[in-house]
Amino acid sequence: MTRIIDRLADISGQYDALFCDLWGCLHNGRRAFPDAVAALQAFRATGGRVVLLTNSPRPAREVEAQLDGMNVPRDAYDLIVSSGDAAQAAMAAGQFGRRVYHIGPARDLPFFTAPDGTPYDVERVELAEAEGIICTGLFDDQTETPEDYRLTIATGVNRGLKLLCANPDIVVDVGEKRIFCAGAIAAAYTEAGGESFYYGKPHAPIYQLARQKLAEAGGGVEDDRILCLGDGIATDVRGGVGEGLDTLFVTGGLAASETGTIAGRPEADLLDQFLSAHSLSPTAAIGFLR
């Protein structure tokens, strides 16, 4: 039975590290949530360590700059591990060829640059010349949907190209607007008969990288002392549960209406119905991170 809590502090004493999602938990794409920031700062003040675990296709350095722009203080976290970090390693190793077609906005171009500023040995080319596809998002996520990519998807599938999905999220809320992410393109690509490969939540590579980075930064943490937090049932919750980690479902994000999260707490009956429909049982649920 998933326990409903009011504050992170209700259970945080059981853990030494948090794997915390960003969108819907710490910010809404435009502004940080003050209560969430304060909760993470309080956890760190007790000696806990916070890893911001995000499905952003951007490398950690770019995510940090984005957080700076939203005035998220750096004392609210220790590390950032992104889907972009995990996916970059596969791309750099040549697993999708050295000539790739990029689906995504110009703001995601840092994905093709190593942390030291040098470009990876990967050339961005037209689809007809590509050996693989790298998808970091939609070209224009404010106006487009996966339906706009039907011809691109069909061409890639017919050519037998593998698709690297740098962000498994299907949708995300930016302020009050819900937009499609790279995961929606990858899902359509798979449905059309193509091969899509994922490196962010809920898939294992990003969790392996988070554990590795945590150990490198000051020592490893046993799995039973790690708590995953997130608002995505198919990404954050499924990923945490799949890794055998305790998981805190933040219901006031993507699933606010389904769980009846309006006044700060989810409705117990609606929460149970929602979790049963997804065959998942996270350790606890909270309306909003605070």
C-alpha atoms as a PDB file:
ATOM      1  CA  MET A   1       0.000   0.000   0.000  1.00  0.00           C
ATOM      2  CA  THR A   2       1.413   3.366  -1.004  1.00  0.00           C
ATOM      3  CA  ARG A   3       1.644   5.740   1.944  1.00  0.00           C
ATOM      4  CA  ILE A   4       0.519   9.345   1.416  1.00  0.00           C
ATOM      5  CA  ILE A   5       2.785  11.865   3.126  1.00  0.00           C
ATOM      6  CA  ASP A   6       2.642  15.638   3.523  1.00  0.00           C
ATOM      7  CA  ARG A   7       6.336  16.533   3.562  1.00  0.00           C
ATOM      8  CA  LEU A   8       9.589  14.956   2.409  1.00  0.00           C
ATOM      9  CA  ALA A   9      10.831  15.203   6.000  1.00  0.00           C
ATOM     10  CA  ASP A  10       8.202  12.610   6.981  1.00  0.00           C
ATOM     11  CA  ILE A  11      10.398   9.874   5.487  1.00  0.00           C
ATOM     12  CA  SER A  12      13.699  11.455   4.449  1.00  0.00           C
ATOM     13  CA  GLY A  13      15.497  10.355   7.609  1.00  0.00           C
ATOM     14  CA  GLN A  14      15.541   6.806   6.206  1.00  0.00           C
ATOM     15  CA  TYR A  15      17.728   7.832   3.258  1.00  0.00           C
ATOM     16  CA  ASP A  16      21.225   9.096   2.509  1.00  0.00           C
ATOM     17  CA  ALA A  17      20.626  10.134  -1.113  1.00  0.00           C
ATOM     18  CA  LEU A  18      17.789  11.366  -3.303  1.00  0.00           C
ATOM     19  CA  PHE A  19      17.485  10.801  -7.052  1.00  0.00           C
ATOM     20  CA  CYS A  20      15.197  13.765  -7.728  1.00  0.00           C
ATOM     21  CA  ASP A  21      13.384  14.582 -10.954  1.00  0.00           C
ATOM     22  CA  LEU A  22      13.271  18.186 -12.202  1.00  0.00           C
ATOM     23  CA  TRP A  23      10.222  18.984 -14.354  1.00  0.00           C
ATOM     24  CA  GLY A  24       7.069  18.829 -12.250  1.00  0.00           C
ATOM     25  CA  CYS A  25       9.029  18.409  -9.016  1.00  0.00           C
ATOM     26  CA  LEU A  26      11.617  21.172  -8.711  1.00  0.00           C
ATOM     27  CA  HIS A  27      10.362  23.496 -11.469  1.00  0.00           C
ATOM     28  CA  ASN A  28       7.746  23.825 -14.198  1.00  0.00           C
ATOM     29  CA  GLY A  29      10.099  24.764 -17.029  1.00  0.00           C
ATOM     30  CA  ARG A  30       9.828  28.460 -16.239  1.00  0.00           C
ATOM     31  CA  ARG A  31      10.241  28.896 -12.514  1.00  0.00           C
ATOM     32  CA  ALA A  32      11.491  26.956  -9.526  1.00  0.00           C
ATOM     33  CA  PHE A  33       9.095  25.820  -6.797  1.00  0.00           C
ATOM     34  CA  PRO A  34      10.270  27.466  -3.538  1.00  0.00           C
ATOM     35  CA  ASP A  35       8.916  24.697  -1.289  1.00  0.00           C
ATOM     36  CA  ALA A  36      10.718  22.042  -3.335  1.00  0.00           C
ATOM     37  CA  VAL A  37      13.985  23.980  -3.169  1.00  0.00           C
ATOM     38  CA  ALA A  38      13.628  24.330   0.599  1.00  0.00           C
ATOM     39  CA  ALA A  39      12.938  20.592   1.001  1.00  0.00           C
ATOM     40  CA  LEU A  40      16.115  19.655  -0.858  1.00  0.00           C
ATOM     41  CA  GLN A  41      18.169  22.206   1.064  1.00  0.00           C
ATOM     42  CA  ALA A  42      16.840  20.815   4.342  1.00  0.00           C
ATOM     43  CA  PHE A  43      17.728  17.258   3.309  1.00  0.00           C
ATOM     44  CA  ARG A  44      21.279  18.303   2.431  1.00  0.00           C
ATOM     45  CA  ALA A  45      21.576  20.180   5.725  1.00  0.00           C
ATOM     46  CA  THR A  46      21.190  16.837   7.523  1.00  0.00           C
ATOM     47  CA  GLY A  47      24.048  15.324   5.518  1.00  0.00           C
ATOM     48  CA  GLY A  48      21.961  13.865   2.718  1.00  0.00           C
ATOM     49  CA  ARG A  49      23.079  14.057  -0.902  1.00  0.00           C
ATOM     50  CA  VAL A  50      20.860  15.130  -3.802  1.00  0.00           C
ATOM     51  CA  VAL A  51      21.313  13.903  -7.357  1.00  0.00           C
ATOM     52  CA  LEU A  52      19.079  15.714  -9.830  1.00  0.00           C
ATOM     53  CA  LEU A  53      18.133  12.902 -12.195  1.00  0.00           C
ATOM     54  CA  THR A  54      16.545  14.291 -15.331  1.00  0.00           C
ATOM     55  CA  ASN A  55      15.408  13.065 -18.729  1.00  0.00           C
ATOM     56  CA  SER A  56      16.658  16.286 -20.286  1.00  0.00           C
ATOM     57  CA  PRO A  57      18.569  15.562 -23.513  1.00  0.00           C
ATOM     58  CA  ARG A  58      21.040  18.273 -22.542  1.00  0.00           C
ATOM     59  CA  PRO A  59      24.351  17.460 -20.835  1.00  0.00           C
ATOM     60  CA  ALA A  60      24.562  18.207 -17.114  1.00  0.00           C
ATOM     61  CA  ARG A  61      26.474  21.464 -17.648  1.00  0.00           C
ATOM     62  CA  GLU A  62      23.629  22.794 -19.808  1.00  0.00           C
ATOM     63  CA  VAL A  63      21.000  21.678 -17.306  1.00  0.00           C
ATOM     64  CA  GLU A  64      22.880  23.498 -14.548  1.00  0.00           C
ATOM     65  CA  ALA A  65      22.888  26.689 -16.602  1.00  0.00           C
ATOM     66  CA  GLN A  66      19.144  26.298 -17.146  1.00  0.00           C
ATOM     67  CA  LEU A  67      18.604  25.889 -13.393  1.00  0.00           C
ATOM     68  CA  ASP A  68      20.710  28.974 -12.725  1.00  0.00           C
ATOM     69  CA  GLY A  69      18.389  30.888 -15.042  1.00  0.00           C
ATOM     70  CA  MET A  70      15.414  29.799 -12.928  1.00  0.00           C
ATOM     71  CA  ASN A  71      17.232  30.827  -9.736  1.00  0.00           C
ATOM     72  CA  VAL A  72      17.567  27.305  -8.366  1.00  0.00           C
ATOM     73  CA  PRO A  73      20.342  27.711  -5.771  1.00  0.00           C
ATOM     74  CA  ARG A  74      23.268  25.354  -6.122  1.00  0.00           C
ATOM     75  CA  ASP A  75      23.090  24.412  -2.449  1.00  0.00           C
ATOM     76  CA  ALA A  76      19.865  22.529  -3.246  1.00  0.00           C
ATOM     77  CA  TYR A  77      21.752  19.722  -4.982  1.00  0.00           C
ATOM     78  CA  ASP A  78      25.099  17.940  -5.255  1.00  0.00           C
ATOM     79  CA  LEU A  79      25.065  16.479  -8.757  1.00  0.00           C
ATOM     80  CA  ILE A  80      23.129  16.515 -12.009  1.00  0.00           C
ATOM     81  CA  VAL A  81      22.820  13.384 -14.128  1.00  0.00           C
ATOM     82  CA  SER A  82      20.857  13.722 -17.360  1.00  0.00           C
ATOM     83  CA  SER A  83      19.524  11.396 -20.001  1.00  0.00           C
ATOM     84  CA  GLY A  84      21.692  13.438 -22.358  1.00  0.00           C
ATOM     85  CA  ASP A  85      24.807  12.411 -20.421  1.00  0.00           C
ATOM     86  CA  ALA A  86      23.934   8.720 -20.661  1.00  0.00           C
ATOM     87  CA  ALA A  87      22.923   8.921 -24.332  1.00  0.00           C
ATOM     88  CA  GLN A  88      26.024  10.905 -25.320  1.00  0.00           C
ATOM     89  CA  ALA A  89      28.262   8.013 -24.324  1.00  0.00           C
ATOM     90  CA  ALA A  90      26.435   5.660 -26.706  1.00  0.00           C
ATOM     91  CA  MET A  91      26.569   8.181 -29.540  1.00  0.00           C
ATOM     92  CA  ALA A  92      30.258   8.937 -28.971  1.00  0.00           C
ATOM     93  CA  ALA A  93      31.023   5.215 -29.098  1.00  0.00           C
ATOM     94  CA  GLY A  94      29.592   5.099 -32.616  1.00  0.00           C
ATOM     95  CA  GLN A  95      26.649   2.876 -31.766  1.00  0.00           C
ATOM     96  CA  PHE A  96      24.462   4.879 -34.165  1.00  0.00           C
ATOM     97  CA  GLY A  97      27.093   5.498 -36.816  1.00  0.00           C
ATOM     98  CA  ARG A  98      29.311   8.507 -37.440  1.00  0.00           C
ATOM     99  CA  ARG A  99      26.878  10.245 -39.782  1.00  0.00           C
ATOM    100  CA  VAL A 100      23.586  10.949 -38.050  1.00  0.00           C
ATOM    101  CA  TYR A 101      20.350  12.772 -38.702  1.00  0.00           C
ATOM    102  CA  HIS A 102      19.352  14.999 -35.790  1.00  0.00           C
ATOM    103  CA  ILE A 103      15.725  15.511 -34.842  1.00  0.00           C
ATOM    104  CA  GLY A 104      15.505  18.297 -32.296  1.00  0.00           C
ATOM    105  CA  PRO A 105      15.718  22.047 -31.686  1.00  0.00           C
ATOM    106  CA  ALA A 106      18.848  24.129 -32.078  1.00  0.00           C
ATOM    107  CA  ARG A 107      19.047  24.576 -28.309  1.00  0.00           C
ATOM    108  CA  ASP A 108      19.974  20.884 -28.049  1.00  0.00           C
ATOM    109  CA  LEU A 109      23.101  21.169 -30.214  1.00  0.00           C
ATOM    110  CA  PRO A 110      25.391  21.026 -27.126  1.00  0.00           C
ATOM    111  CA  PHE A 111      24.488  17.322 -27.105  1.00  0.00           C
ATOM    112  CA  PHE A 112      27.046  16.906 -29.890  1.00  0.00           C
ATOM    113  CA  THR A 113      29.859  18.536 -27.905  1.00  0.00           C
ATOM    114  CA  ALA A 114      32.028  16.873 -25.246  1.00  0.00           C
ATOM    115  CA  PRO A 115      32.364  18.407 -21.753  1.00  0.00           C
ATOM    116  CA  ASP A 116      35.738  19.906 -22.724  1.00  0.00           C
ATOM    117  CA  GLY A 117      34.086  21.801 -25.585  1.00  0.00           C
ATOM    118  CA  THR A 118      35.370  19.664 -28.456  1.00  0.00           C
ATOM    119  CA  PRO A 119      32.844  18.221 -30.937  1.00  0.00           C
ATOM    120  CA  TYR A 120      32.276  14.480 -30.880  1.00  0.00           C
ATOM    121  CA  ASP A 121      33.420  12.488 -33.897  1.00  0.00           C
ATOM    122  CA  VAL A 122      29.873  12.531 -35.250  1.00  0.00           C
ATOM    123  CA  GLU A 123      28.640  14.490 -38.269  1.00  0.00           C
ATOM    124  CA  ARG A 124      25.078  15.757 -38.560  1.00  0.00           C
ATOM    125  CA  VAL A 125      23.792  15.073 -42.103  1.00  0.00           C
ATOM    126  CA  GLU A 126      20.525  14.893 -44.030  1.00  0.00           C
ATOM    127  CA  LEU A 127      18.333  11.845 -43.471  1.00  0.00           C
ATOM    128  CA  ALA A 128      19.174  10.339 -46.864  1.00  0.00           C
ATOM    129  CA  GLU A 129      22.872  10.223 -45.931  1.00  0.00           C
ATOM    130  CA  ALA A 130      22.503   9.142 -42.301  1.00  0.00           C
ATOM    131  CA  GLU A 131      23.667   5.936 -40.623  1.00  0.00           C
ATOM    132  CA  GLY A 132      21.453   6.542 -37.626  1.00  0.00           C
ATOM    133  CA  ILE A 133      19.021   9.006 -36.042  1.00  0.00           C
ATOM    134  CA  ILE A 134      19.571  11.051 -32.893  1.00  0.00           C
ATOM    135  CA  CYS A 135      16.343  12.445 -31.432  1.00  0.00           C
ATOM    136  CA  THR A 136      16.589  15.045 -28.668  1.00  0.00           C
ATOM    137  CA  GLY A 137      13.106  16.479 -29.150  1.00  0.00           C
ATOM    138  CA  LEU A 138      10.878  18.033 -31.783  1.00  0.00           C
ATOM    139  CA  PHE A 139      12.138  20.798 -34.045  1.00  0.00           C
ATOM    140  CA  ASP A 140       9.348  23.054 -32.751  1.00  0.00           C
ATOM    141  CA  ASP A 141       7.731  21.591 -29.663  1.00  0.00           C
ATOM    142  CA  GLN A 142       5.401  24.585 -29.340  1.00  0.00           C
ATOM    143  CA  THR A 143       3.494  23.757 -32.518  1.00  0.00           C
ATOM    144  CA  GLU A 144       4.420  20.251 -33.696  1.00  0.00           C
ATOM    145  CA  THR A 145       3.199  16.767 -32.761  1.00  0.00           C
ATOM    146  CA  PRO A 146       4.573  13.316 -33.677  1.00  0.00           C
ATOM    147  CA  GLU A 147       2.107  13.282 -36.566  1.00  0.00           C
ATOM    148  CA  ASP A 148       4.269  15.921 -38.281  1.00  0.00           C
ATOM    149  CA  TYR A 149       7.099  13.361 -38.443  1.00  0.00           C
ATOM    150  CA  ARG A 150       5.222  10.583 -40.229  1.00  0.00           C
ATOM    151  CA  LEU A 151       7.328  10.833 -43.433  1.00  0.00           C
ATOM    152  CA  THR A 152      10.616  11.113 -41.526  1.00  0.00           C
ATOM    153  CA  ILE A 153       9.716   8.102 -39.420  1.00  0.00           C
ATOM    154  CA  ALA A 154       8.697   6.022 -42.421  1.00  0.00           C
ATOM    155  CA  THR A 155      11.920   6.904 -44.241  1.00  0.00           C
ATOM    156  CA  GLY A 156      14.095   5.997 -41.255  1.00  0.00           C
ATOM    157  CA  VAL A 157      12.282   2.717 -40.675  1.00  0.00           C
ATOM    158  CA  ASN A 158      12.472   1.749 -44.348  1.00  0.00           C
ATOM    159  CA  ARG A 159      16.212   2.436 -44.344  1.00  0.00           C
ATOM    160  CA  GLY A 160      16.688   0.321 -41.209  1.00  0.00           C
ATOM    161  CA  LEU A 161      18.156   3.190 -39.179  1.00  0.00           C
ATOM    162  CA  LYS A 162      18.408   2.872 -35.405  1.00  0.00           C
ATOM    163  CA  LEU A 163      17.047   5.799 -33.389  1.00  0.00           C
ATOM    164  CA  LEU A 164      18.704   7.053 -30.217  1.00  0.00           C
ATOM    165  CA  CYS A 165      16.153   8.737 -27.953  1.00  0.00           C
ATOM    166  CA  ALA A 166      17.917  11.215 -25.669  1.00  0.00           C
ATOM    167  CA  ASN A 167      14.768  11.964 -23.644  1.00  0.00           C
ATOM    168  CA  PRO A 168      12.271   9.140 -23.018  1.00  0.00           C
ATOM    169  CA  ASP A 169       9.575  11.533 -21.741  1.00  0.00           C
ATOM    170  CA  ILE A 170       6.452  11.515 -23.900  1.00  0.00           C
ATOM    171  CA  VAL A 171       5.164  14.899 -22.723  1.00  0.00           C
ATOM    172  CA  VAL A 172       6.182  17.587 -20.242  1.00  0.00           C
ATOM    173  CA  ASP A 173       4.427  20.633 -18.838  1.00  0.00           C
ATOM    174  CA  VAL A 174       6.069  23.986 -19.564  1.00  0.00           C
ATOM    175  CA  GLY A 175       4.179  26.418 -17.404  1.00  0.00           C
ATOM    176  CA  GLU A 176       0.549  25.719 -18.269  1.00  0.00           C
ATOM    177  CA  LYS A 177       1.303  24.229 -21.698  1.00  0.00           C
ATOM    178  CA  ARG A 178       1.842  20.497 -22.301  1.00  0.00           C
ATOM    179  CA  ILE A 179       4.317  19.720 -25.086  1.00  0.00           C
ATOM    180  CA  PHE A 180       5.658  16.558 -26.739  1.00  0.00           C
ATOM    181  CA  CYS A 181       9.187  15.300 -26.082  1.00  0.00           C
ATOM    182  CA  ALA A 182      11.627  12.983 -27.858  1.00  0.00           C
ATOM    183  CA  GLY A 183       9.988   9.939 -26.274  1.00  0.00           C
ATOM    184  CA  ALA A 184       6.858  10.583 -28.326  1.00  0.00           C
ATOM    185  CA  ILE A 185       8.864  10.452 -31.545  1.00  0.00           C
ATOM    186  CA  ALA A 186      10.666   7.295 -30.418  1.00  0.00           C
ATOM    187  CA  ALA A 187       7.379   5.608 -29.506  1.00  0.00           C
ATOM    188  CA  ALA A 188       5.978   6.418 -32.949  1.00  0.00           C
ATOM    189  CA  TYR A 189       9.189   5.141 -34.548  1.00  0.00           C
ATOM    190  CA  THR A 190       8.910   1.828 -32.698  1.00  0.00           C
ATOM    191  CA  GLU A 191       5.216   1.538 -33.538  1.00  0.00           C
ATOM    192  CA  ALA A 192       6.116   1.977 -37.211  1.00  0.00           C
ATOM    193  CA  GLY A 193       8.502  -0.981 -36.994  1.00  0.00           C
ATOM    194  CA  GLY A 194      11.786   0.798 -36.214  1.00  0.00           C
ATOM    195  CA  GLU A 195      14.294   0.279 -33.405  1.00  0.00           C
ATOM    196  CA  SER A 196      14.422   2.938 -30.685  1.00  0.00           C
ATOM    197  CA  PHE A 197      17.042   2.947 -27.928  1.00  0.00           C
ATOM    198  CA  TYR A 198      16.596   4.751 -24.613  1.00  0.00           C
ATOM    199  CA  TYR A 199      19.097   5.898 -21.969  1.00  0.00           C
ATOM    200  CA  GLY A 200      16.989   7.982 -19.567  1.00  0.00           C
ATOM    201  CA  LYS A 201      14.350   6.978 -17.030  1.00  0.00           C
ATOM    202  CA  PRO A 202      12.906   4.367 -16.694  1.00  0.00           C
ATOM    203  CA  HIS A 203      15.835   2.574 -18.341  1.00  0.00           C
ATOM    204  CA  ALA A 204      18.870   1.256 -16.484  1.00  0.00           C
ATOM    205  CA  PRO A 205      21.745   3.311 -18.034  1.00  0.00           C
ATOM    206  CA  ILE A 206      20.827   6.593 -16.313  1.00  0.00           C
ATOM    207  CA  TYR A 207      20.559   4.915 -12.899  1.00  0.00           C
ATOM    208  CA  GLN A 208      23.904   3.181 -13.401  1.00  0.00           C
ATOM    209  CA  LEU A 209      25.454   6.524 -14.289  1.00  0.00           C
ATOM    210  CA  ALA A 210      23.873   8.200 -11.242  1.00  0.00           C
ATOM    211  CA  ARG A 211      25.280   5.568  -8.893  1.00  0.00           C
ATOM    212  CA  GLN A 212      28.697   5.901 -10.552  1.00  0.00           C
ATOM    213  CA  LYS A 213      28.746   9.704 -10.310  1.00  0.00           C
ATOM    214  CA  LEU A 214      27.590   9.581  -6.693  1.00  0.00           C
ATOM    215  CA  ALA A 215      30.405   7.195  -5.801  1.00  0.00           C
ATOM    216  CA  GLU A 216      32.981   9.311  -7.622  1.00  0.00           C
ATOM    217  CA  ALA A 217      31.813  12.445  -5.833  1.00  0.00           C
ATOM    218  CA  GLY A 218      32.205  11.172  -2.312  1.00  0.00           C
ATOM    219  CA  GLY A 219      31.381   7.520  -1.895  1.00  0.00           C
ATOM    220  CA  GLY A 220      28.656   5.140  -2.900  1.00  0.00           C
ATOM    221  CA  VAL A 221      25.276   4.780  -1.208  1.00  0.00           C
ATOM    222  CA  GLU A 222      23.566   1.441  -0.659  1.00  0.00           C
ATOM    223  CA  ASP A 223      20.407   1.000  -2.703  1.00  0.00           C
ATOM    224  CA  ASP A 224      18.197   0.732   0.371  1.00  0.00           C
ATOM    225  CA  ARG A 225      19.337   4.227   1.377  1.00  0.00           C
ATOM    226  CA  ILE A 226      18.364   5.857  -1.939  1.00  0.00           C
ATOM    227  CA  LEU A 227      14.948   7.433  -2.566  1.00  0.00           C
ATOM    228  CA  CYS A 228      13.752   8.278  -6.084  1.00  0.00           C
ATOM    229  CA  LEU A 229      11.344  11.205  -6.520  1.00  0.00           C
ATOM    230  CA  GLY A 230       9.352  12.099  -9.597  1.00  0.00           C
ATOM    231  CA  ASP A 231       5.977  12.927 -11.134  1.00  0.00           C
ATOM    232  CA  GLY A 232       6.194  10.671 -14.203  1.00  0.00           C
ATOM    233  CA  ILE A 233       4.469   7.355 -13.570  1.00  0.00           C
ATOM    234  CA  ALA A 234       5.994   5.705 -16.656  1.00  0.00           C
ATOM    235  CA  THR A 235       9.472   7.171 -16.180  1.00  0.00           C
ATOM    236  CA  ASP A 236      10.300   8.242 -12.613  1.00  0.00           C
ATOM    237  CA  VAL A 237       8.131   5.752 -10.755  1.00  0.00           C
ATOM    238  CA  ARG A 238       8.532   2.785 -13.096  1.00  0.00           C
ATOM    239  CA  GLY A 239      12.257   3.412 -13.261  1.00  0.00           C
ATOM    240  CA  GLY A 240      12.757   3.616  -9.508  1.00  0.00           C
ATOM    241  CA  VAL A 241      10.640   0.554  -8.824  1.00  0.00           C
ATOM    242  CA  GLY A 242      12.376  -1.335 -11.628  1.00  0.00           C
ATOM    243  CA  GLU A 243      15.762  -0.565 -10.080  1.00  0.00           C
ATOM    244  CA  GLY A 244      14.598  -1.897  -6.721  1.00  0.00           C
ATOM    245  CA  LEU A 245      14.762   1.578  -5.156  1.00  0.00           C
ATOM    246  CA  ASP A 246      12.241   3.187  -2.831  1.00  0.00           C
ATOM    247  CA  THR A 247      10.185   5.693  -4.796  1.00  0.00           C
ATOM    248  CA  LEU A 248       8.197   8.802  -3.898  1.00  0.00           C
ATOM    249  CA  PHE A 249       5.485   9.666  -6.434  1.00  0.00           C
ATOM    250  CA  VAL A 250       4.886  13.425  -6.733  1.00  0.00           C
ATOM    251  CA  THR A 251       1.241  13.400  -7.792  1.00  0.00           C
ATOM    252  CA  GLY A 252       0.738  17.138  -8.384  1.00  0.00           C
ATOM    253  CA  GLY A 253       2.647  17.163 -11.675  1.00  0.00           C
ATOM    254  CA  LEU A 254       1.668  15.212 -14.774  1.00  0.00           C
ATOM    255  CA  ALA A 255      -0.925  13.121 -12.913  1.00  0.00           C
ATOM    256  CA  ALA A 256      -2.567  15.931 -10.924  1.00  0.00           C
ATOM    257  CA  SER A 257      -6.038  15.480 -12.426  1.00  0.00           C
ATOM    258  CA  GLU A 258      -5.964  11.668 -12.415  1.00  0.00           C
ATOM    259  CA  THR A 259      -4.997  11.580  -8.723  1.00  0.00           C
ATOM    260  CA  GLY A 260      -7.224  14.443  -7.629  1.00  0.00           C
ATOM    261  CA  THR A 261      -4.267  16.476  -6.411  1.00  0.00           C
ATOM    262  CA  ILE A 262      -5.665  19.972  -6.051  1.00  0.00           C
ATOM    263  CA  ALA A 263      -5.329  21.116  -2.443  1.00  0.00           C
ATOM    264  CA  GLY A 264      -1.940  19.594  -1.752  1.00  0.00           C
ATOM    265  CA  ARG A 265      -2.722  15.897  -1.267  1.00  0.00           C
ATOM    266  CA  PRO A 266      -3.893  13.234  -3.712  1.00  0.00           C
ATOM    267  CA  GLU A 267      -7.251  11.608  -3.096  1.00  0.00           C
ATOM    268  CA  ALA A 268      -6.544   8.129  -1.747  1.00  0.00           C
ATOM    269  CA  ASP A 269      -9.138   6.318  -3.864  1.00  0.00           C
ATOM    270  CA  LEU A 270      -8.103   8.038  -7.088  1.00  0.00           C
ATOM    271  CA  LEU A 271      -4.440   7.424  -6.324  1.00  0.00           C
ATOM    272  CA  ASP A 272      -5.070   3.713  -5.763  1.00  0.00           C
ATOM    273  CA  GLN A 273      -7.022   3.472  -9.023  1.00  0.00           C
ATOM    274  CA  PHE A 274      -4.294   5.271 -10.944  1.00  0.00           C
ATOM    275  CA  LEU A 275      -1.488   3.125  -9.527  1.00  0.00           C
ATOM    276  CA  SER A 276      -3.473  -0.083 -10.087  1.00  0.00           C
ATOM    277  CA  ALA A 277      -4.026   0.875 -13.718  1.00  0.00           C
ATOM    278  CA  HIS A 278      -0.248   1.128 -14.120  1.00  0.00           C
ATOM    279  CA  SER A 279       0.487  -1.974 -11.988  1.00  0.00           C
ATOM    280  CA  LEU A 280       2.858   0.021  -9.795  1.00  0.00           C
ATOM    281  CA  SER A 281       3.137   0.512  -6.049  1.00  0.00           C
ATOM    282  CA  PRO A 282       5.609   3.253  -5.114  1.00  0.00           C
ATOM    283  CA  THR A 283       6.780   3.490  -1.524  1.00  0.00           C
ATOM    284  CA  ALA A 284       4.988   6.766  -0.883  1.00  0.00           C
ATOM    285  CA  ALA A 285       3.112   9.604  -2.588  1.00  0.00           C
ATOM    286  CA  ILE A 286       3.100  13.330  -1.969  1.00  0.00           C
ATOM    287  CA  GLY A 287       1.084  16.088  -3.625  1.00  0.00           C
ATOM    288  CA  PHE A 288       4.018  18.423  -4.168  1.00  0.00           C
ATOM    289  CA  LEU A 289       7.648  18.246  -3.156  1.00  0.00           C
ATOM    290  CA  ARG A 290       7.999  20.273   0.042  1.00  0.00           C
END
